[in-house]
Amino acid sequence: MSRTTKQFLWIFSLFAIFTLFELALPMHVRAASKAGPKLIVNRSEMTARLATSLVPQRNICDLIQCGPVYEVYKTTVVVITAYSSTPDQTSGDPFITACGSRVHEGTFAMNGIPFGTKLRIPDYFGDKIFVVEDRMSARYSSNRGDIWMETREQAKQWGVRTVRVEFVTD
């Protein structure tokens, strides 16, 4: 194959890729991207900018890859303590939760709430999601929760706090 033919095929390939890109990307997304880069600090700001941008009625997660957007369906005040994986603070294997999973960052214990329920503690942990995977002693009602922490010292430092909890769904 001659050098001219190779150059032609290379240029034609670039043209074809550019054309496919232009066809695949909707016009309003192309127009929004020409406006130039803007610093976006958090998801709520992204959503606010999206509402006022050229992109009509679309979630920002439709345009970029990001985690799930959680919607608050209930807010309540709960007394929260903390526990760690020590035998005197748990029953059975201290590293296995009541639902059978292994304890991890974000494990939450609460009675009367279904396993898998997601919640946030925004005043202390921001947008971090906790999942109910464990239970507390039967003497505690559903207005009390327990956060799993890696060490006993961290759990002691947390102590007992009355906090606002947001139950969320994705």
Protein backbone atom coordinates (compact mmCIF):
# COMPACT_ATOMS: atom_id res chain seq x y z
CA MET A 1 0.00 0.00 0.00
CA SER A 2 1.39 3.37 -0.94
CA ARG A 3 2.09 6.19 1.46
CA THR A 4 -0.65 8.35 -0.05
CA THR A 5 -3.20 5.57 0.37
CA LYS A 6 -2.21 5.10 4.02
CA GLN A 7 -2.55 8.85 4.67
CA PHE A 8 -5.94 8.88 2.97
CA LEU A 9 -7.18 5.94 5.07
CA TRP A 10 -5.87 7.56 8.25
CA ILE A 11 -7.62 10.87 7.50
CA PHE A 12 -10.79 9.05 6.43
CA SER A 13 -10.77 7.06 9.72
CA LEU A 14 -10.47 10.27 11.76
CA PHE A 15 -13.29 11.84 9.76
CA ALA A 16 -15.48 8.75 10.31
CA ILE A 17 -14.82 8.75 14.06
CA PHE A 18 -15.57 12.47 14.30
CA THR A 19 -18.80 12.02 12.34
CA LEU A 20 -19.91 9.13 14.57
CA PHE A 21 -19.14 11.21 17.65
CA GLU A 22 -21.21 14.10 16.32
CA LEU A 23 -24.14 11.81 15.53
CA ALA A 24 -23.97 9.97 18.87
CA LEU A 25 -23.85 13.05 21.07
CA PRO A 26 -27.12 15.03 21.21
CA MET A 27 -27.01 18.66 20.09
CA HIS A 28 -27.81 20.16 23.52
CA VAL A 29 -24.91 18.24 25.12
CA ARG A 30 -22.50 19.49 22.45
CA ALA A 31 -23.76 23.06 22.97
CA ALA A 32 -23.35 22.80 26.74
CA SER A 33 -19.82 21.45 26.40
CA LYS A 34 -18.79 24.41 24.18
CA ALA A 35 -19.64 26.78 27.03
CA GLY A 36 -16.33 25.83 28.64
CA PRO A 37 -15.36 23.98 31.81
CA LYS A 38 -16.81 25.08 35.12
CA LEU A 39 -15.79 23.97 38.58
CA ILE A 40 -18.59 21.95 40.18
CA VAL A 41 -18.21 21.40 43.89
CA ASN A 42 -20.91 18.87 44.80
CA ARG A 43 -23.87 16.92 43.43
CA SER A 44 -26.50 19.47 44.53
CA GLU A 45 -24.61 22.22 42.72
CA MET A 46 -24.35 19.98 39.67
CA THR A 47 -28.10 19.44 39.75
CA ALA A 48 -28.76 23.18 40.18
CA ARG A 49 -26.51 24.03 37.23
CA LEU A 50 -28.15 21.34 35.17
CA ALA A 51 -31.58 22.82 35.84
CA THR A 52 -30.46 26.18 34.45
CA SER A 53 -28.32 24.83 31.60
CA LEU A 54 -29.17 24.02 28.02
CA VAL A 55 -29.87 20.39 28.94
CA PRO A 56 -33.64 20.05 29.43
CA GLN A 57 -35.10 17.84 32.19
CA ARG A 58 -32.25 15.35 32.58
CA ASN A 59 -30.45 14.08 35.62
CA ILE A 60 -26.74 14.88 35.72
CA CYS A 61 -26.08 11.15 36.25
CA ASP A 62 -27.51 10.53 32.76
CA LEU A 63 -24.67 12.63 31.33
CA ILE A 64 -21.72 11.53 33.46
CA GLN A 65 -20.81 8.42 35.40
CA CYS A 66 -21.48 8.95 39.10
CA GLY A 67 -22.89 7.09 42.06
CA PRO A 68 -26.57 6.77 42.84
CA VAL A 69 -28.59 9.81 43.82
CA TYR A 70 -30.33 9.20 47.12
CA GLU A 71 -33.71 10.66 48.01
CA VAL A 72 -34.63 11.30 51.65
CA TYR A 73 -37.98 9.74 52.54
CA LYS A 74 -37.88 10.12 56.33
CA THR A 75 -35.95 12.22 58.83
CA THR A 76 -35.90 11.47 62.53
CA VAL A 77 -33.83 12.01 65.66
CA VAL A 78 -32.11 8.91 67.02
CA VAL A 79 -29.76 8.16 69.92
CA ILE A 80 -26.63 6.67 68.37
CA THR A 81 -23.83 4.81 70.09
CA ALA A 82 -20.90 2.97 68.53
CA TYR A 83 -19.51 -0.54 68.80
CA SER A 84 -16.49 -2.44 67.58
CA SER A 85 -15.75 -6.09 66.89
CA THR A 86 -14.91 -7.22 70.39
CA PRO A 87 -16.58 -10.28 71.93
CA ASP A 88 -17.97 -8.34 74.91
CA GLN A 89 -19.82 -5.93 72.59
CA THR A 90 -21.30 -8.55 70.26
CA SER A 91 -22.89 -11.97 70.32
CA GLY A 92 -21.38 -14.87 68.41
CA ASP A 93 -18.65 -14.04 65.89
CA PRO A 94 -17.77 -10.37 66.45
CA PHE A 95 -17.02 -9.84 62.74
CA ILE A 96 -20.31 -11.21 61.37
CA THR A 97 -23.49 -9.10 61.43
CA ALA A 98 -26.99 -10.33 62.25
CA CYS A 99 -27.81 -10.50 58.53
CA GLY A 100 -24.72 -12.65 57.87
CA SER A 101 -22.40 -10.11 56.24
CA ARG A 102 -18.95 -9.18 57.48
CA VAL A 103 -18.71 -5.88 59.40
CA HIS A 104 -17.32 -3.00 57.37
CA GLU A 105 -17.18 0.79 57.27
CA GLY A 106 -20.83 1.90 57.09
CA THR A 107 -22.37 -1.02 59.02
CA PHE A 108 -25.27 0.17 61.15
CA ALA A 109 -27.17 -1.76 63.82
CA MET A 110 -30.81 -0.95 64.56
CA ASN A 111 -33.81 -2.90 65.81
CA GLY A 112 -37.18 -2.80 64.06
CA ILE A 113 -35.74 -1.55 60.74
CA PRO A 114 -35.38 -3.97 57.79
CA PHE A 115 -31.89 -5.14 56.81
CA GLY A 116 -30.60 -3.21 53.83
CA THR A 117 -32.23 0.07 54.85
CA LYS A 118 -29.94 2.95 53.90
CA LEU A 119 -29.47 6.06 55.99
CA ARG A 120 -27.28 9.12 56.39
CA ILE A 121 -26.11 11.06 59.41
CA PRO A 122 -25.47 14.38 57.64
CA ASP A 123 -24.42 16.47 60.65
CA TYR A 124 -21.49 14.13 61.38
CA PHE A 125 -20.78 12.15 58.20
CA GLY A 126 -22.16 14.27 55.33
CA ASP A 127 -23.36 12.16 52.38
CA LYS A 128 -21.86 8.90 53.67
CA ILE A 129 -24.37 6.05 53.43
CA PHE A 130 -24.85 3.58 56.28
CA VAL A 131 -26.69 0.29 55.79
CA VAL A 132 -28.68 -1.49 58.50
CA GLU A 133 -27.03 -4.92 58.63
CA ASP A 134 -26.93 -5.67 62.33
CA ARG A 135 -29.17 -5.66 65.39
CA MET A 136 -28.76 -4.25 68.88
CA SER A 137 -29.64 -5.90 72.15
CA ALA A 138 -33.36 -6.65 72.42
CA ARG A 139 -33.69 -4.14 75.28
CA TYR A 140 -33.29 -1.25 72.77
CA SER A 141 -36.14 0.04 70.62
CA SER A 142 -35.99 1.35 67.06
CA ASN A 143 -35.22 4.89 68.24
CA ARG A 144 -31.65 3.85 68.97
CA GLY A 145 -28.83 2.92 66.58
CA ASP A 146 -25.27 1.66 66.69
CA ILE A 147 -22.45 2.49 64.25
CA TRP A 148 -19.71 -0.10 63.72
CA MET A 149 -16.22 1.34 64.17
CA GLU A 150 -12.90 -0.34 63.57
CA THR A 151 -11.48 0.09 67.07
CA ARG A 152 -12.85 0.20 70.58
CA GLU A 153 -11.14 3.58 71.08
CA GLN A 154 -13.05 5.08 68.14
CA ALA A 155 -16.30 3.71 69.55
CA LYS A 156 -15.57 5.17 72.99
CA GLN A 157 -14.66 8.52 71.45
CA TRP A 158 -18.03 8.61 69.67
CA GLY A 159 -19.84 7.95 72.94
CA VAL A 160 -23.61 8.53 72.98
CA ARG A 161 -25.06 11.19 70.71
CA THR A 162 -28.55 12.27 69.78
CA VAL A 163 -28.46 12.98 66.05
CA ARG A 164 -30.65 13.66 63.05
CA VAL A 165 -30.85 10.63 60.73
CA GLU A 166 -32.11 10.69 57.15
CA PHE A 167 -33.50 7.45 55.73
CA VAL A 168 -32.78 7.38 52.01
CA THR A 169 -33.68 5.40 48.92
CA ASP A 170 -31.89 5.19 45.60
